[in-house]
Amino acid sequence: MKINALVHFKGQCQEAFQFYAQALGGKVVSMMPYAGTPTEKHVPAEWRDKIQHATLQVGDNLLMGSDVPPQSQAQQPGGGFAMAVNVDRPEEAEKFFRALSEQGTVQMPLAKTFWSPAFGSLVDRYGISWMVNCTPASGEGA
């Protein structure tokens, strides 16, 4: 298991990650806009070129980022980040999701998505946002 930080932006994710890559000597390994994904219909038209998910690798560390639409709860004070748990098996995702969501609020139930065999998001009982993601095995689709 790995735990990574995910930083939410108000439309500057791509610019910020290019800056972080240069400043930290890292490499942007993914930069996925909302456009062309199943989620594009859930964001305003002017938001579709914004970044749904970005990953920056710096050594053995990952920093993840996302532009969150203005209507999102993540735009509220204290909502500018989320902790991300990345696991290898859906059973692990279920275990951690169940534990973290106890007495919390599930924002997106753990389910198969177009990028993962098991992904879900929640706010725990202490008000911290979490995302649990299962990375598909190499060569497997979600």
Protein backbone atom coordinates (compact mmCIF):
# COMPACT_ATOMS: atom_id res chain seq x y z
CA MET A 1 0.00 0.00 0.00
CA LYS A 2 1.07 3.56 -0.69
CA ILE A 3 -0.48 6.75 0.61
CA ASN A 4 -0.14 9.84 -1.59
CA ALA A 5 -1.35 13.39 -1.35
CA LEU A 6 -3.78 14.74 -3.95
CA VAL A 7 -3.97 18.51 -4.25
CA HIS A 8 -7.10 20.19 -5.62
CA PHE A 9 -6.82 23.24 -7.85
CA LYS A 10 -9.31 25.80 -9.14
CA GLY A 11 -8.23 25.41 -12.77
CA GLN A 12 -4.43 25.72 -12.56
CA CYS A 13 -3.46 22.04 -12.15
CA GLN A 14 -1.58 21.71 -15.46
CA GLU A 15 0.39 24.90 -14.89
CA ALA A 16 1.13 23.98 -11.27
CA PHE A 17 2.33 20.48 -12.14
CA GLN A 18 4.65 21.77 -14.85
CA PHE A 19 6.07 24.17 -12.27
CA TYR A 20 6.41 21.42 -9.64
CA ALA A 21 8.16 19.12 -12.14
CA GLN A 22 10.74 21.79 -12.87
CA ALA A 23 11.12 22.97 -9.28
CA LEU A 24 11.36 19.47 -7.77
CA GLY A 25 13.21 17.71 -10.60
CA GLY A 26 10.29 15.39 -11.22
CA LYS A 27 8.38 14.14 -14.22
CA VAL A 28 4.70 14.53 -15.04
CA VAL A 29 3.62 10.94 -15.78
CA SER A 30 -0.07 11.60 -16.42
CA MET A 31 -2.21 14.60 -17.28
CA MET A 32 -5.81 13.58 -18.06
CA PRO A 33 -8.35 16.29 -18.93
CA TYR A 34 -12.07 15.80 -18.32
CA ALA A 35 -12.68 15.93 -22.10
CA GLY A 36 -12.85 12.50 -23.67
CA THR A 37 -13.67 10.69 -20.42
CA PRO A 38 -17.03 9.48 -19.11
CA THR A 39 -16.94 12.28 -16.53
CA GLU A 40 -16.87 15.15 -19.04
CA LYS A 41 -20.66 15.36 -18.99
CA HIS A 42 -20.54 16.08 -15.25
CA VAL A 43 -18.51 19.29 -15.55
CA PRO A 44 -19.38 22.61 -17.20
CA ALA A 45 -18.36 22.90 -20.88
CA GLU A 46 -15.73 25.52 -20.03
CA TRP A 47 -14.19 23.06 -17.54
CA ARG A 48 -13.66 20.10 -19.94
CA ASP A 49 -10.07 21.05 -20.81
CA LYS A 50 -9.21 21.29 -17.12
CA ILE A 51 -7.35 18.39 -15.53
CA GLN A 52 -9.31 15.52 -14.00
CA HIS A 53 -6.17 13.72 -12.83
CA ALA A 54 -2.44 14.46 -12.90
CA THR A 55 0.47 12.53 -11.46
CA LEU A 56 3.95 13.86 -10.79
CA GLN A 57 6.73 11.43 -9.94
CA VAL A 58 9.65 12.71 -7.90
CA GLY A 59 11.99 9.83 -7.09
CA ASP A 60 9.86 7.16 -5.38
CA ASN A 61 7.18 9.70 -4.46
CA LEU A 62 3.97 10.60 -6.25
CA LEU A 63 2.02 13.82 -6.03
CA MET A 64 -1.43 13.73 -7.56
CA GLY A 65 -3.57 16.69 -8.56
CA SER A 66 -6.94 17.60 -9.99
CA ASP A 67 -8.89 20.66 -11.06
CA VAL A 68 -12.19 20.56 -9.21
CA PRO A 69 -15.21 22.40 -10.62
CA PRO A 70 -16.52 25.40 -8.65
CA GLN A 71 -19.63 23.49 -7.49
CA SER A 72 -17.48 20.75 -5.94
CA GLN A 73 -17.27 20.28 -2.18
CA ALA A 74 -13.48 20.25 -2.61
CA GLN A 75 -13.60 23.98 -3.42
CA GLN A 76 -14.84 24.73 0.10
CA PRO A 77 -12.41 25.90 2.81
CA GLY A 78 -10.29 23.01 4.02
CA GLY A 79 -11.10 20.99 0.91
CA GLY A 80 -7.98 21.67 -1.15
CA PHE A 81 -6.49 18.20 -0.78
CA ALA A 82 -7.31 14.55 -0.37
CA MET A 83 -5.31 11.60 0.87
CA ALA A 84 -5.06 8.82 -1.70
CA VAL A 85 -4.62 5.15 -0.81
CA ASN A 86 -3.36 3.10 -3.75
CA VAL A 87 -3.51 -0.69 -3.55
CA ASP A 88 -2.94 -3.62 -5.89
CA ARG A 89 -6.09 -5.70 -5.29
CA PRO A 90 -9.80 -4.83 -5.15
CA GLU A 91 -10.10 -6.76 -1.86
CA GLU A 92 -7.56 -4.41 -0.29
CA ALA A 93 -9.46 -1.41 -1.62
CA GLU A 94 -12.68 -2.73 -0.06
CA LYS A 95 -10.97 -3.29 3.31
CA PHE A 96 -9.50 0.21 3.52
CA PHE A 97 -12.59 1.92 2.10
CA ARG A 98 -14.85 0.22 4.63
CA ALA A 99 -12.56 1.11 7.53
CA LEU A 100 -12.02 4.75 6.54
CA SER A 101 -15.69 5.41 5.81
CA GLU A 102 -16.89 4.19 9.21
CA GLN A 103 -18.83 7.12 10.73
CA GLY A 104 -17.82 9.19 7.70
CA THR A 105 -19.56 10.28 4.51
CA VAL A 106 -19.18 8.31 1.28
CA GLN A 107 -18.93 10.69 -1.67
CA MET A 108 -18.49 8.03 -4.36
CA PRO A 109 -19.13 4.39 -3.43
CA LEU A 110 -16.32 1.96 -4.16
CA ALA A 111 -16.94 0.69 -7.70
CA LYS A 112 -15.29 -0.19 -10.97
CA THR A 113 -14.43 2.85 -13.10
CA PHE A 114 -12.91 3.32 -16.53
CA TRP A 115 -9.43 3.58 -14.92
CA SER A 116 -9.67 1.23 -11.95
CA PRO A 117 -11.26 -2.07 -10.92
CA ALA A 118 -12.13 -0.40 -7.58
CA PHE A 119 -12.26 3.33 -6.78
CA GLY A 120 -14.19 5.32 -4.21
CA SER A 121 -14.01 8.57 -2.29
CA LEU A 122 -15.15 9.61 1.14
CA VAL A 123 -14.77 12.13 3.92
CA ASP A 124 -13.78 10.42 7.15
CA ARG A 125 -15.25 11.12 10.60
CA TYR A 126 -12.59 13.82 11.11
CA GLY A 127 -13.39 15.75 7.93
CA ILE A 128 -10.42 14.47 5.89
CA SER A 129 -11.06 13.59 2.23
CA TRP A 130 -9.83 10.17 1.08
CA MET A 131 -9.72 8.39 -2.25
CA VAL A 132 -9.14 4.65 -2.40
CA ASN A 133 -7.87 3.40 -5.75
CA CYS A 134 -6.90 -0.04 -6.99
CA THR A 135 -4.32 0.07 -9.77
CA PRO A 136 -5.02 -2.55 -12.44
CA ALA A 137 -2.29 -5.16 -12.89
CA SER A 138 0.00 -4.46 -15.82
CA GLY A 139 -1.72 -5.38 -19.07
CA GLU A 140 -5.19 -5.48 -17.49
CA GLY A 141 -7.86 -2.96 -18.25
CA ALA A 142 -10.12 -1.58 -15.60
